[in-house]
Amino acid sequence: MSRRQLNASDEIDYSTNSLSASVKSLAIRSLQLAKDHLTEEQLRNSTPEQVLQRMLSTKSYISTASSFAQKHKAAHSDPNQRYFEELGKGQCGTVYGLLGTATVTKLPNTQDKVKELHADYLMHLRIQEAIQMHDPDHEFSVRVPKLDTWHAPTSRFWAECGLLFDPHVDVNNFALVSERILPAPLPVREALVDALLPTAIRRRKQEFLARPENKNCLIRIYLGRRHTTEKQDRLQNLKLQNFPLHANEMEELGLDTAHFASLMANTLAILHWGAMVDGNDVEFILGSSPAQSKTLCYEEAKSLNMWQLADAVNIDFNRRTMEMWLIDFNQCTKIQDDKAGIDKLVKAFIFNDPYYPRPNQGTSRDRELWGVFRKDYLSTSHKLTQSPGPDTFIARVELESKKKSIDNLF
């Protein structure tokens, strides 16, 4: 029984092949901005499931006048209101968002983590360049946060921004600056609670939503796992930060899981055979981004620092859209196209969280989803390399999954 069932019981077909590269890029960006608008009236008249179906499809945008949006809007207009707020802490670094901008800064948790954070920066840059080369307009891959720069303790960044951090933060430090993925808008978070969380949480929804960990809501796309009663989390452990959305829940909401599988497959193919990295411990998530009345191309954006970028685009925090993103590169390593490299690819795939569809799963829908992933991964990979490596990787994943399925019988 799924989480949603448990609670119940208590694209535009657009061809740009004939367009020049510049016009094609403009057309794609225009289509991305021309998404369906989910109005306040439609929100009032929609069920939680309908809100999630519209917004998590990544084909709609929503207008929200939440306190989050108003706070960022005010700081975007008035730089004097900008400051860094802590968003989350991982094993390597702590992430701070700059109010009024779509920018985050990641600082190492300790000096021992500086090397790991720098490796994260270099790998992020490598992956960003590969995706920019092979799918610059994200026609068939997910988005990667734009990388700004790497700052040393002697950088002018600290003279300009050090006082914007909380006094307890060590500002004599290294820093990785990149684009921020905004959390799911409030109506989406409310719908997640109403549609997927237990009655005990729904009864105190406002208190639950007011907690900081439930405001910073990013959604993990788990196409390789189905939620069951046995996997029901304890109430005290439930939160919207890094919220897991499982394959059966997406199906029940009417989401296009095949589209998600295709995006993942194409992106992983670029990581493997474009960037030549193993993709170890990366995450595929749904998060939001604000609308921009002026959209910069990659060449324009990469020449600006974070202050110039914030002022160069007119960001509308009241109007946001959900998009699929790829994050967390500090555990990735480079590979060679040989047996050792394939071993690393297979290990990274098998032992990552269950973002990808898995072969030899129990249901026909799971097998269909794996078929989509398999087909698109190989199709994109074969455009990047003439090597048999992609086919070997897929065959190895299927073999390892079959062994695991057999082991589970005993």
Foldseek 3Di string as FASTA:
>chain_A
DALLVVQVVCAPPDDDVPPDPVVVLVVLVVQLQPAAECEPVNLVVDALLQVCQRFVLLRYKYFAPDPLQVFLLVCLVPVVSWAWDWQDADPFWTWTDIRNAQKIKTFGPDPVSPVLVVLQVVQLVLLVVLCCVVPVNPPFAFAAWAWADKDALPDCCCVVHVVRYDPVDPSSGIMTMTGHFAADDPSNLLSCCVRRNHPVCPVVVVVQCPDSQQRRAKEFAQAADGHDPVNDDDPVPDHRHHHYDYNVNCVVSVHDLLSLLRNVLLSCLSVCQRSQKQLAQKTKIKGKAFDWPDDDRPVVVRVDHRVCNSNVIDTRSSMMGITIYIDDCSPMDGADLDPVSLVSNLVRCVPHRRNHQAPPDDDPVSNVSVVSSLVSNVVNNVVRDVDCSSVVSVVVRNVVRVVVVVVVVD
